[in-house]
Amino acid sequence: DKSVLIMLKNLSMQLSKIFANVKLFKPLDENLLVSDISSKGVGIVFRERSYIRFFPEKSYVHFELILPDQIRIPMLTVVRSITFLENKIIKAGCEIISMDKSAMQIYSHYLQSL
């Protein structure tokens, strides 16, 4: 149901701000690399094993995808897979669940330009 997803997205953004302010959960300060991108999702890669805790399978993750020219696209995703690749690289496959309308338009335009 879309209303539940919208409510979940808004709640996650508010909780993220609260948790950051009271330092209950430390958000990841580092930008991670996107290995692949599509209309359905993104693959995020990293080497630091401790980052796995940010991407447990089947969990909801809210983050901002930074496009060229520093355009930020906030999105709610669900982690569908964690894969261990060569050279100790870890890949989190994230399915896009929700984006606001303007972000979706910018994201779609970016994908078409690839």
PDB file of N, CA and C in Angstrom:
ATOM      1  N   ASP A   1       0.850  -1.183   0.000  1.00  0.00           N
ATOM      2  CA  ASP A   1       0.000   0.000   0.000  1.00  0.00           C
ATOM      3  C   ASP A   1       0.893   1.244   0.000  1.00  0.00           C
ATOM      4  N   LYS A   2       0.611   2.157  -0.936  1.00  0.00           N
ATOM      5  CA  LYS A   2       1.458   3.347  -1.087  1.00  0.00           C
ATOM      6  C   LYS A   2       1.433   4.253   0.129  1.00  0.00           C
ATOM      7  N   SER A   3       0.291   4.359   0.796  1.00  0.00           N
ATOM      8  CA  SER A   3       0.218   5.243   1.957  1.00  0.00           C
ATOM      9  C   SER A   3       1.128   4.744   3.080  1.00  0.00           C
ATOM     10  N   VAL A   4       1.248   3.444   3.216  1.00  0.00           N
ATOM     11  CA  VAL A   4       2.130   2.876   4.235  1.00  0.00           C
ATOM     12  C   VAL A   4       3.587   3.167   3.879  1.00  0.00           C
ATOM     13  N   LEU A   5       3.939   3.044   2.596  1.00  0.00           N
ATOM     14  CA  LEU A   5       5.312   3.326   2.174  1.00  0.00           C
ATOM     15  C   LEU A   5       5.674   4.792   2.367  1.00  0.00           C
ATOM     16  N   ILE A   6       4.740   5.671   2.060  1.00  0.00           N
ATOM     17  CA  ILE A   6       4.980   7.106   2.257  1.00  0.00           C
ATOM     18  C   ILE A   6       5.166   7.401   3.740  1.00  0.00           C
ATOM     19  N   MET A   7       4.324   6.818   4.557  1.00  0.00           N
ATOM     20  CA  MET A   7       4.430   7.010   6.005  1.00  0.00           C
ATOM     21  C   MET A   7       5.766   6.448   6.510  1.00  0.00           C
ATOM     22  N   LEU A   8       6.159   5.276   6.020  1.00  0.00           N
ATOM     23  CA  LEU A   8       7.421   4.671   6.422  1.00  0.00           C
ATOM     24  C   LEU A   8       8.605   5.535   6.007  1.00  0.00           C
ATOM     25  N   LYS A   9       8.570   6.079   4.799  1.00  0.00           N
ATOM     26  CA  LYS A   9       9.647   6.945   4.320  1.00  0.00           C
ATOM     27  C   LYS A   9       9.761   8.193   5.191  1.00  0.00           C
ATOM     28  N   ASN A  10       8.630   8.847   5.453  1.00  0.00           N
ATOM     29  CA  ASN A  10       8.640  10.056   6.289  1.00  0.00           C
ATOM     30  C   ASN A  10       9.127   9.748   7.696  1.00  0.00           C
ATOM     31  N   LEU A  11       8.658   8.643   8.242  1.00  0.00           N
ATOM     32  CA  LEU A  11       9.074   8.244   9.584  1.00  0.00           C
ATOM     33  C   LEU A  11      10.570   7.949   9.625  1.00  0.00           C
ATOM     34  N   SER A  12      11.082   7.267   8.591  1.00  0.00           N
ATOM     35  CA  SER A  12      12.515   6.941   8.584  1.00  0.00           C
ATOM     36  C   SER A  12      13.371   8.200   8.505  1.00  0.00           C
ATOM     37  N   MET A  13      12.927   9.199   7.738  1.00  0.00           N
ATOM     38  CA  MET A  13      13.691  10.449   7.648  1.00  0.00           C
ATOM     39  C   MET A  13      13.680  11.173   8.990  1.00  0.00           C
ATOM     40  N   GLN A  14      12.528  11.209   9.659  1.00  0.00           N
ATOM     41  CA  GLN A  14      12.442  11.875  10.957  1.00  0.00           C
ATOM     42  C   GLN A  14      13.280  11.143  12.003  1.00  0.00           C
ATOM     43  N   LEU A  15      13.180   9.819  12.021  1.00  0.00           N
ATOM     44  CA  LEU A  15      13.951   9.040  12.987  1.00  0.00           C
ATOM     45  C   LEU A  15      15.448   9.175  12.737  1.00  0.00           C
ATOM     46  N   SER A  16      15.843   9.217  11.485  1.00  0.00           N
ATOM     47  CA  SER A  16      17.253   9.384  11.156  1.00  0.00           C
ATOM     48  C   SER A  16      17.793  10.686  11.752  1.00  0.00           C
ATOM     49  N   LYS A  17      17.023  11.754  11.624  1.00  0.00           N
ATOM     50  CA  LYS A  17      17.444  13.041  12.184  1.00  0.00           C
ATOM     51  C   LYS A  17      17.518  12.980  13.708  1.00  0.00           C
ATOM     52  N   ILE A  18      16.518  12.378  14.320  1.00  0.00           N
ATOM     53  CA  ILE A  18      16.496  12.266  15.785  1.00  0.00           C
ATOM     54  C   ILE A  18      17.677  11.433  16.269  1.00  0.00           C
ATOM     55  N   PHE A  19      17.897  10.265  15.634  1.00  0.00           N
ATOM     56  CA  PHE A  19      18.993   9.385  16.040  1.00  0.00           C
ATOM     57  C   PHE A  19      20.342  10.070  15.876  1.00  0.00           C
ATOM     58  N   ALA A  20      20.499  10.847  14.798  1.00  0.00           N
ATOM     59  CA  ALA A  20      21.758  11.566  14.584  1.00  0.00           C
ATOM     60  C   ALA A  20      21.956  12.627  15.657  1.00  0.00           C
ATOM     61  N   ASN A  21      20.880  13.332  16.018  1.00  0.00           N
ATOM     62  CA  ASN A  21      20.984  14.391  17.029  1.00  0.00           C
ATOM     63  C   ASN A  21      21.336  13.848  18.403  1.00  0.00           C
ATOM     64  N   VAL A  22      20.757  12.729  18.793  1.00  0.00           N
ATOM     65  CA  VAL A  22      21.034  12.171  20.122  1.00  0.00           C
ATOM     66  C   VAL A  22      22.163  11.143  20.087  1.00  0.00           C
ATOM     67  N   LYS A  23      22.714  10.920  18.887  1.00  0.00           N
ATOM     68  CA  LYS A  23      23.831   9.997  18.690  1.00  0.00           C
ATOM     69  C   LYS A  23      23.504   8.586  19.137  1.00  0.00           C
ATOM     70  N   LEU A  24      22.217   8.194  18.958  1.00  0.00           N
ATOM     71  CA  LEU A  24      21.810   6.833  19.279  1.00  0.00           C
ATOM     72  C   LEU A  24      22.376   5.866  18.242  1.00  0.00           C
ATOM     73  N   PHE A  25      22.215   6.207  16.981  1.00  0.00           N
ATOM     74  CA  PHE A  25      22.803   5.448  15.882  1.00  0.00           C
ATOM     75  C   PHE A  25      23.642   6.415  15.078  1.00  0.00           C
ATOM     76  N   LYS A  26      24.838   6.004  14.783  1.00  0.00           N
ATOM     77  CA  LYS A  26      25.706   6.867  13.990  1.00  0.00           C
ATOM     78  C   LYS A  26      25.461   6.567  12.516  1.00  0.00           C
ATOM     79  N   PRO A  27      24.993   7.573  11.763  1.00  0.00           N
ATOM     80  CA  PRO A  27      24.810   7.333  10.329  1.00  0.00           C
ATOM     81  C   PRO A  27      26.166   7.180   9.647  1.00  0.00           C
ATOM     82  N   LEU A  28      26.155   6.508   8.539  1.00  0.00           N
ATOM     83  CA  LEU A  28      27.380   6.325   7.779  1.00  0.00           C
ATOM     84  C   LEU A  28      27.770   7.655   7.155  1.00  0.00           C
ATOM     85  N   ASP A  29      28.950   8.156   7.508  1.00  0.00           N
ATOM     86  CA  ASP A  29      29.406   9.461   7.029  1.00  0.00           C
ATOM     87  C   ASP A  29      30.071   9.386   5.660  1.00  0.00           C
ATOM     88  N   GLU A  30      30.462   8.206   5.274  1.00  0.00           N
ATOM     89  CA  GLU A  30      31.196   8.032   4.024  1.00  0.00           C
ATOM     90  C   GLU A  30      30.233   7.805   2.862  1.00  0.00           C
ATOM     91  N   ASN A  31      30.577   8.363   1.701  1.00  0.00           N
ATOM     92  CA  ASN A  31      29.818   8.070   0.489  1.00  0.00           C
ATOM     93  C   ASN A  31      30.264   6.718  -0.035  1.00  0.00           C
ATOM     94  N   LEU A  32      29.316   5.887  -0.427  1.00  0.00           N
ATOM     95  CA  LEU A  32      29.633   4.570  -0.975  1.00  0.00           C
ATOM     96  C   LEU A  32      29.467   4.595  -2.486  1.00  0.00           C
ATOM     97  N   LEU A  33      30.111   3.680  -3.159  1.00  0.00           N
ATOM     98  CA  LEU A  33      30.074   3.617  -4.614  1.00  0.00           C
ATOM     99  C   LEU A  33      28.876   2.810  -5.102  1.00  0.00           C
ATOM    100  N   VAL A  34      28.281   3.275  -6.179  1.00  0.00           N
ATOM    101  CA  VAL A  34      27.199   2.545  -6.836  1.00  0.00           C
ATOM    102  C   VAL A  34      27.826   1.756  -7.972  1.00  0.00           C
ATOM    103  N   SER A  35      27.612   0.424  -7.964  1.00  0.00           N
ATOM    104  CA  SER A  35      28.208  -0.431  -8.991  1.00  0.00           C
ATOM    105  C   SER A  35      27.295  -0.594 -10.194  1.00  0.00           C
ATOM    106  N   ASP A  36      26.006  -0.576  -9.950  1.00  0.00           N
ATOM    107  CA  ASP A  36      25.050  -0.656 -11.046  1.00  0.00           C
ATOM    108  C   ASP A  36      23.767   0.042 -10.630  1.00  0.00           C
ATOM    109  N   ILE A  37      23.030   0.492 -11.634  1.00  0.00           N
ATOM    110  CA  ILE A  37      21.856   1.318 -11.377  1.00  0.00           C
ATOM    111  C   ILE A  37      20.806   1.007 -12.440  1.00  0.00           C
ATOM    112  N   SER A  38      19.551   0.942 -12.011  1.00  0.00           N
ATOM    113  CA  SER A  38      18.455   0.698 -12.952  1.00  0.00           C
ATOM    114  C   SER A  38      17.194   1.358 -12.398  1.00  0.00           C
ATOM    115  N   SER A  39      16.115   1.243 -13.147  1.00  0.00           N
ATOM    116  CA  SER A  39      14.853   1.820 -12.685  1.00  0.00           C
ATOM    117  C   SER A  39      14.316   1.079 -11.464  1.00  0.00           C
ATOM    118  N   LYS A  40      14.751  -0.154 -11.266  1.00  0.00           N
ATOM    119  CA  LYS A  40      14.258  -0.976 -10.153  1.00  0.00           C
ATOM    120  C   LYS A  40      15.134  -0.938  -8.910  1.00  0.00           C
ATOM    121  N   GLY A  41      16.425  -0.574  -9.084  1.00  0.00           N
ATOM    122  CA  GLY A  41      17.281  -0.602  -7.910  1.00  0.00           C
ATOM    123  C   GLY A  41      18.699  -0.171  -8.174  1.00  0.00           C
ATOM    124  N   VAL A  42      19.522  -0.292  -7.120  1.00  0.00           N
ATOM    125  CA  VAL A  42      20.932   0.067  -7.190  1.00  0.00           C
ATOM    126  C   VAL A  42      21.771  -0.996  -6.493  1.00  0.00           C
ATOM    127  N   GLY A  43      22.988  -1.162  -6.987  1.00  0.00           N
ATOM    128  CA  GLY A  43      23.966  -2.008  -6.321  1.00  0.00           C
ATOM    129  C   GLY A  43      24.999  -1.107  -5.680  1.00  0.00           C
ATOM    130  N   ILE A  44      25.266  -1.325  -4.415  1.00  0.00           N
ATOM    131  CA  ILE A  44      26.212  -0.502  -3.664  1.00  0.00           C
ATOM    132  C   ILE A  44      27.378  -1.388  -3.250  1.00  0.00           C
ATOM    133  N   VAL A  45      28.607  -0.927  -3.499  1.00  0.00           N
ATOM    134  CA  VAL A  45      29.784  -1.730  -3.167  1.00  0.00           C
ATOM    135  C   VAL A  45      30.663  -1.016  -2.144  1.00  0.00           C
ATOM    136  N   PHE A  46      31.320  -1.846  -1.329  1.00  0.00           N
ATOM    137  CA  PHE A  46      32.226  -1.338  -0.299  1.00  0.00           C
ATOM    138  C   PHE A  46      33.168  -2.457   0.116  1.00  0.00           C
ATOM    139  N   ARG A  47      34.264  -2.080   0.749  1.00  0.00           N
ATOM    140  CA  ARG A  47      35.251  -3.056   1.224  1.00  0.00           C
ATOM    141  C   ARG A  47      35.166  -3.265   2.743  1.00  0.00           C
ATOM    142  N   GLU A  48      34.763  -2.238   3.437  1.00  0.00           N
ATOM    143  CA  GLU A  48      34.758  -2.270   4.908  1.00  0.00           C
ATOM    144  C   GLU A  48      33.666  -3.226   5.404  1.00  0.00           C
ATOM    145  N   ARG A  49      34.077  -4.335   5.993  1.00  0.00           N
ATOM    146  CA  ARG A  49      33.116  -5.358   6.451  1.00  0.00           C
ATOM    147  C   ARG A  49      32.130  -4.814   7.488  1.00  0.00           C
ATOM    148  N   SER A  50      32.553  -3.839   8.266  1.00  0.00           N
ATOM    149  CA  SER A  50      31.659  -3.310   9.309  1.00  0.00           C
ATOM    150  C   SER A  50      30.428  -2.616   8.705  1.00  0.00           C
ATOM    151  N   TYR A  51      30.494  -2.246   7.414  1.00  0.00           N
ATOM    152  CA  TYR A  51      29.357  -1.592   6.777  1.00  0.00           C
ATOM    153  C   TYR A  51      28.209  -2.555   6.508  1.00  0.00           C
ATOM    154  N   ILE A  52      28.476  -3.846   6.595  1.00  0.00           N
ATOM    155  CA  ILE A  52      27.410  -4.833   6.377  1.00  0.00           C
ATOM    156  C   ILE A  52      26.247  -4.584   7.327  1.00  0.00           C
ATOM    157  N   ARG A  53      26.545  -4.108   8.516  1.00  0.00           N
ATOM    158  CA  ARG A  53      25.477  -3.879   9.501  1.00  0.00           C
ATOM    159  C   ARG A  53      24.462  -2.838   9.041  1.00  0.00           C
ATOM    160  N   PHE A  54      24.838  -1.985   8.089  1.00  0.00           N
ATOM    161  CA  PHE A  54      23.911  -0.996   7.547  1.00  0.00           C
ATOM    162  C   PHE A  54      22.979  -1.597   6.492  1.00  0.00           C
ATOM    163  N   PHE A  55      23.283  -2.822   6.048  1.00  0.00           N
ATOM    164  CA  PHE A  55      22.546  -3.427   4.946  1.00  0.00           C
ATOM    165  C   PHE A  55      22.102  -4.863   5.234  1.00  0.00           C
ATOM    166  N   PRO A  56      21.423  -5.114   6.343  1.00  0.00           N
ATOM    167  CA  PRO A  56      20.953  -6.487   6.555  1.00  0.00           C
ATOM    168  C   PRO A  56      19.895  -6.854   5.504  1.00  0.00           C
ATOM    169  N   GLU A  57      19.957  -8.079   4.999  1.00  0.00           N
ATOM    170  CA  GLU A  57      18.991  -8.502   3.982  1.00  0.00           C
ATOM    171  C   GLU A  57      17.565  -8.344   4.492  1.00  0.00           C
ATOM    172  N   LYS A  58      16.689  -7.930   3.583  1.00  0.00           N
ATOM    173  CA  LYS A  58      15.261  -7.709   3.814  1.00  0.00           C
ATOM    174  C   LYS A  58      14.974  -6.493   4.697  1.00  0.00           C
ATOM    175  N   SER A  59      15.994  -5.672   4.955  1.00  0.00           N
ATOM    176  CA  SER A  59      15.765  -4.479   5.773  1.00  0.00           C
ATOM    177  C   SER A  59      15.512  -3.276   4.868  1.00  0.00           C
ATOM    178  N   TYR A  60      14.822  -2.299   5.414  1.00  0.00           N
ATOM    179  CA  TYR A  60      14.567  -1.054   4.702  1.00  0.00           C
ATOM    180  C   TYR A  60      15.714  -0.091   4.978  1.00  0.00           C
ATOM    181  N   VAL A  61      16.207   0.540   3.911  1.00  0.00           N
ATOM    182  CA  VAL A  61      17.309   1.484   4.040  1.00  0.00           C
ATOM    183  C   VAL A  61      16.918   2.757   3.291  1.00  0.00           C
ATOM    184  N   HIS A  62      16.986   3.876   3.991  1.00  0.00           N
ATOM    185  CA  HIS A  62      16.713   5.173   3.367  1.00  0.00           C
ATOM    186  C   HIS A  62      18.042   5.880   3.178  1.00  0.00           C
ATOM    187  N   PHE A  63      18.315   6.302   1.945  1.00  0.00           N
ATOM    188  CA  PHE A  63      19.559   7.020   1.678  1.00  0.00           C
ATOM    189  C   PHE A  63      19.366   7.989   0.527  1.00  0.00           C
ATOM    190  N   GLU A  64      20.380   8.809   0.322  1.00  0.00           N
ATOM    191  CA  GLU A  64      20.389   9.739  -0.805  1.00  0.00           C
ATOM    192  C   GLU A  64      21.409   9.260  -1.823  1.00  0.00           C
ATOM    193  N   LEU A  65      20.957   9.115  -3.042  1.00  0.00           N
ATOM    194  CA  LEU A  65      21.832   8.806  -4.158  1.00  0.00           C
ATOM    195  C   LEU A  65      22.305  10.139  -4.718  1.00  0.00           C
ATOM    196  N   ILE A  66      23.610  10.318  -4.831  1.00  0.00           N
ATOM    197  CA  ILE A  66      24.153  11.587  -5.324  1.00  0.00           C
ATOM    198  C   ILE A  66      24.524  11.419  -6.790  1.00  0.00           C
ATOM    199  N   LEU A  67      23.802  12.127  -7.636  1.00  0.00           N
ATOM    200  CA  LEU A  67      24.034  12.095  -9.078  1.00  0.00           C
ATOM    201  C   LEU A  67      25.069  13.157  -9.436  1.00  0.00           C
ATOM    202  N   PRO A  68      25.547  13.155 -10.695  1.00  0.00           N
ATOM    203  CA  PRO A  68      26.470  14.222 -11.113  1.00  0.00           C
ATOM    204  C   PRO A  68      25.875  15.602 -10.812  1.00  0.00           C
ATOM    205  N   ASP A  69      26.731  16.570 -10.644  1.00  0.00           N
ATOM    206  CA  ASP A  69      26.364  17.939 -10.264  1.00  0.00           C
ATOM    207  C   ASP A  69      25.770  17.999  -8.858  1.00  0.00           C
ATOM    208  N   GLN A  70      26.068  16.973  -8.045  1.00  0.00           N
ATOM    209  CA  GLN A  70      25.646  16.921  -6.642  1.00  0.00           C
ATOM    210  C   GLN A  70      24.122  16.922  -6.457  1.00  0.00           C
ATOM    211  N   ILE A  71      23.403  16.417  -7.436  1.00  0.00           N
ATOM    212  CA  ILE A  71      21.946  16.294  -7.319  1.00  0.00           C
ATOM    213  C   ILE A  71      21.655  15.107  -6.407  1.00  0.00           C
ATOM    214  N   ARG A  72      20.895  15.366  -5.353  1.00  0.00           N
ATOM    215  CA  ARG A  72      20.599  14.327  -4.351  1.00  0.00           C
ATOM    216  C   ARG A  72      19.200  13.760  -4.572  1.00  0.00           C
ATOM    217  N   ILE A  73      19.144  12.434  -4.646  1.00  0.00           N
ATOM    218  CA  ILE A  73      17.879  11.733  -4.852  1.00  0.00           C
ATOM    219  C   ILE A  73      17.608  10.875  -3.615  1.00  0.00           C
ATOM    220  N   PRO A  74      16.706  11.323  -2.732  1.00  0.00           N
ATOM    221  CA  PRO A  74      16.371  10.486  -1.571  1.00  0.00           C
ATOM    222  C   PRO A  74      15.496   9.319  -2.009  1.00  0.00           C
ATOM    223  N   MET A  75      15.785   8.140  -1.469  1.00  0.00           N
ATOM    224  CA  MET A  75      14.988   6.969  -1.814  1.00  0.00           C
ATOM    225  C   MET A  75      14.907   5.990  -0.653  1.00  0.00           C
ATOM    226  N   LEU A  76      13.793   5.294  -0.625  1.00  0.00           N
ATOM    227  CA  LEU A  76      13.599   4.207   0.333  1.00  0.00           C
ATOM    228  C   LEU A  76      13.802   2.918  -0.441  1.00  0.00           C
ATOM    229  N   THR A  77      14.662   2.044   0.079  1.00  0.00           N
ATOM    230  CA  THR A  77      14.952   0.780  -0.594  1.00  0.00           C
ATOM    231  C   THR A  77      14.811  -0.373   0.389  1.00  0.00           C
ATOM    232  N   VAL A  78      14.769  -1.571  -0.165  1.00  0.00           N
ATOM    233  CA  VAL A  78      14.851  -2.773   0.662  1.00  0.00           C
ATOM    234  C   VAL A  78      16.055  -3.568   0.144  1.00  0.00           C
ATOM    235  N   VAL A  79      16.862  -4.036   1.069  1.00  0.00           N
ATOM    236  CA  VAL A  79      18.053  -4.805   0.703  1.00  0.00           C
ATOM    237  C   VAL A  79      17.610  -6.204   0.304  1.00  0.00           C
ATOM    238  N   ARG A  80      17.916  -6.576  -0.933  1.00  0.00           N
ATOM    239  CA  ARG A  80      17.518  -7.879  -1.460  1.00  0.00           C
ATOM    240  C   ARG A  80      18.641  -8.902  -1.405  1.00  0.00           C
ATOM    241  N   SER A  81      19.897  -8.417  -1.434  1.00  0.00           N
ATOM    242  CA  SER A  81      21.001  -9.385  -1.417  1.00  0.00           C
ATOM    243  C   SER A  81      22.286  -8.729  -0.928  1.00  0.00           C
ATOM    244  N   ILE A  82      23.116  -9.573  -0.351  1.00  0.00           N
ATOM    245  CA  ILE A  82      24.486  -9.207  -0.001  1.00  0.00           C
ATOM    246  C   ILE A  82      25.372 -10.243  -0.685  1.00  0.00           C
ATOM    247  N   THR A  83      26.322  -9.765  -1.485  1.00  0.00           N
ATOM    248  CA  THR A  83      27.191 -10.661  -2.242  1.00  0.00           C
ATOM    249  C   THR A  83      28.647 -10.316  -1.942  1.00  0.00           C
ATOM    250  N   PHE A  84      29.443 -11.348  -1.743  1.00  0.00           N
ATOM    251  CA  PHE A  84      30.879 -11.165  -1.522  1.00  0.00           C
ATOM    252  C   PHE A  84      31.578 -11.419  -2.849  1.00  0.00           C
ATOM    253  N   LEU A  85      32.207 -10.372  -3.374  1.00  0.00           N
ATOM    254  CA  LEU A  85      32.859 -10.427  -4.670  1.00  0.00           C
ATOM    255  C   LEU A  85      34.365 -10.623  -4.502  1.00  0.00           C
ATOM    256  N   GLU A  86      35.068 -10.680  -5.616  1.00  0.00           N
ATOM    257  CA  GLU A  86      36.531 -10.800  -5.581  1.00  0.00           C
ATOM    258  C   GLU A  86      37.146  -9.579  -4.907  1.00  0.00           C
ATOM    259  N   ASN A  87      38.374  -9.746  -4.461  1.00  0.00           N
ATOM    260  CA  ASN A  87      39.153  -8.664  -3.854  1.00  0.00           C
ATOM    261  C   ASN A  87      38.495  -8.076  -2.604  1.00  0.00           C
ATOM    262  N   LYS A  88      37.739  -8.905  -1.891  1.00  0.00           N
ATOM    263  CA  LYS A  88      37.105  -8.513  -0.624  1.00  0.00           C
ATOM    264  C   LYS A  88      36.112  -7.364  -0.781  1.00  0.00           C
ATOM    265  N   ILE A  89      35.487  -7.285  -1.935  1.00  0.00           N
ATOM    266  CA  ILE A  89      34.452  -6.276  -2.170  1.00  0.00           C
ATOM    267  C   ILE A  89      33.102  -6.880  -1.822  1.00  0.00           C
ATOM    268  N   ILE A  90      32.275  -6.101  -1.151  1.00  0.00           N
ATOM    269  CA  ILE A  90      30.941  -6.532  -0.744  1.00  0.00           C
ATOM    270  C   ILE A  90      29.929  -5.695  -1.511  1.00  0.00           C
ATOM    271  N   LYS A  91      28.906  -6.353  -2.032  1.00  0.00           N
ATOM    272  CA  LYS A  91      27.874  -5.654  -2.799  1.00  0.00           C
ATOM    273  C   LYS A  91      26.512  -5.863  -2.150  1.00  0.00           C
ATOM    274  N   ALA A  92      25.820  -4.742  -1.919  1.00  0.00           N
ATOM    275  CA  ALA A  92      24.443  -4.784  -1.413  1.00  0.00           C
ATOM    276  C   ALA A  92      23.516  -4.444  -2.574  1.00  0.00           C
ATOM    277  N   GLY A  93      22.627  -5.352  -2.896  1.00  0.00           N
ATOM    278  CA  GLY A  93      21.631  -5.104  -3.938  1.00  0.00           C
ATOM    279  C   GLY A  93      20.373  -4.547  -3.301  1.00  0.00           C
ATOM    280  N   CYS A  94      19.981  -3.337  -3.682  1.00  0.00           N
ATOM    281  CA  CYS A  94      18.853  -2.646  -3.057  1.00  0.00           C
ATOM    282  C   CYS A  94      17.754  -2.380  -4.084  1.00  0.00           C
ATOM    283  N   GLU A  95      16.556  -2.823  -3.779  1.00  0.00           N
ATOM    284  CA  GLU A  95      15.396  -2.565  -4.631  1.00  0.00           C
ATOM    285  C   GLU A  95      14.741  -1.255  -4.195  1.00  0.00           C
ATOM    286  N   ILE A  96      14.461  -0.391  -5.160  1.00  0.00           N
ATOM    287  CA  ILE A  96      13.820   0.892  -4.848  1.00  0.00           C
ATOM    288  C   ILE A  96      12.352   0.632  -4.527  1.00  0.00           C
ATOM    289  N   ILE A  97      11.929   1.119  -3.375  1.00  0.00           N
ATOM    290  CA  ILE A  97      10.548   0.967  -2.927  1.00  0.00           C
ATOM    291  C   ILE A  97       9.770   2.258  -3.128  1.00  0.00           C
ATOM    292  N   SER A  98      10.421   3.388  -2.839  1.00  0.00           N
ATOM    293  CA  SER A  98       9.698   4.656  -2.887  1.00  0.00           C
ATOM    294  C   SER A  98      10.648   5.822  -3.129  1.00  0.00           C
ATOM    295  N   MET A  99      10.150   6.770  -3.926  1.00  0.00           N
ATOM    296  CA  MET A  99      10.813   8.059  -4.152  1.00  0.00           C
ATOM    297  C   MET A  99       9.702   9.076  -4.344  1.00  0.00           C
ATOM    298  N   ASP A 100       9.945  10.320  -3.951  1.00  0.00           N
ATOM    299  CA  ASP A 100       8.917  11.319  -4.229  1.00  0.00           C
ATOM    300  C   ASP A 100       8.879  11.600  -5.728  1.00  0.00           C
ATOM    301  N   LYS A 101       7.814  12.232  -6.164  1.00  0.00           N
ATOM    302  CA  LYS A 101       7.562  12.401  -7.597  1.00  0.00           C
ATOM    303  C   LYS A 101       8.674  13.159  -8.318  1.00  0.00           C
ATOM    304  N   SER A 102       9.129  14.261  -7.740  1.00  0.00           N
ATOM    305  CA  SER A 102      10.179  15.048  -8.404  1.00  0.00           C
ATOM    306  C   SER A 102      11.487  14.271  -8.465  1.00  0.00           C
ATOM    307  N   ALA A 103      11.821  13.543  -7.399  1.00  0.00           N
ATOM    308  CA  ALA A 103      13.034  12.724  -7.404  1.00  0.00           C
ATOM    309  C   ALA A 103      12.936  11.636  -8.465  1.00  0.00           C
ATOM    310  N   MET A 104      11.763  11.045  -8.611  1.00  0.00           N
ATOM    311  CA  MET A 104      11.563   9.997  -9.609  1.00  0.00           C
ATOM    312  C   MET A 104      11.765  10.540 -11.017  1.00  0.00           C
ATOM    313  N   GLN A 105      11.298  11.754 -11.274  1.00  0.00           N
ATOM    314  CA  GLN A 105      11.479  12.355 -12.593  1.00  0.00           C
ATOM    315  C   GLN A 105      12.961  12.605 -12.888  1.00  0.00           C
ATOM    316  N   ILE A 106      13.675  13.140 -11.920  1.00  0.00           N
ATOM    317  CA  ILE A 106      15.108  13.410 -12.092  1.00  0.00           C
ATOM    318  C   ILE A 106      15.863  12.098 -12.290  1.00  0.00           C
ATOM    319  N   TYR A 107      15.529  11.099 -11.481  1.00  0.00           N
ATOM    320  CA  TYR A 107      16.172   9.790 -11.557  1.00  0.00           C
ATOM    321  C   TYR A 107      15.916   9.148 -12.923  1.00  0.00           C
ATOM    322  N   SER A 108      14.687   9.175 -13.392  1.00  0.00           N
ATOM    323  CA  SER A 108      14.338   8.591 -14.697  1.00  0.00           C
ATOM    324  C   SER A 108      15.088   9.302 -15.820  1.00  0.00           C
ATOM    325  N   HIS A 109      15.143  10.624 -15.737  1.00  0.00           N
ATOM    326  CA  HIS A 109      15.876  11.395 -16.754  1.00  0.00           C
ATOM    327  C   HIS A 109      17.350  11.024 -16.754  1.00  0.00           C
ATOM    328  N   TYR A 110      17.937  10.854 -15.567  1.00  0.00           N
ATOM    329  CA  TYR A 110      19.333  10.467 -15.460  1.00  0.00           C
ATOM    330  C   TYR A 110      19.550   9.092 -16.103  1.00  0.00           C
ATOM    331  N   LEU A 111      18.681   8.136 -15.814  1.00  0.00           N
ATOM    332  CA  LEU A 111      18.826   6.793 -16.382  1.00  0.00           C
ATOM    333  C   LEU A 111      18.749   6.820 -17.908  1.00  0.00           C
ATOM    334  N   GLN A 112      17.869   7.645 -18.431  1.00  0.00           N
ATOM    335  CA  GLN A 112      17.733   7.736 -19.888  1.00  0.00           C
ATOM    336  C   GLN A 112      18.980   8.340 -20.529  1.00  0.00           C
ATOM    337  N   SER A 113      19.711   9.157 -19.789  1.00  0.00           N
ATOM    338  CA  SER A 113      20.918   9.795 -20.327  1.00  0.00           C
ATOM    339  C   SER A 113      22.119   8.862 -20.364  1.00  0.00           C
ATOM    340  N   LEU A 114      22.003   7.717 -19.701  1.00  0.00           N
ATOM    341  CA  LEU A 114      23.144   6.773 -19.656  1.00  0.00           C
ATOM    342  C   LEU A 114      23.317   6.021 -20.962  1.00  0.00           C
TER     343      LEU A 114
END
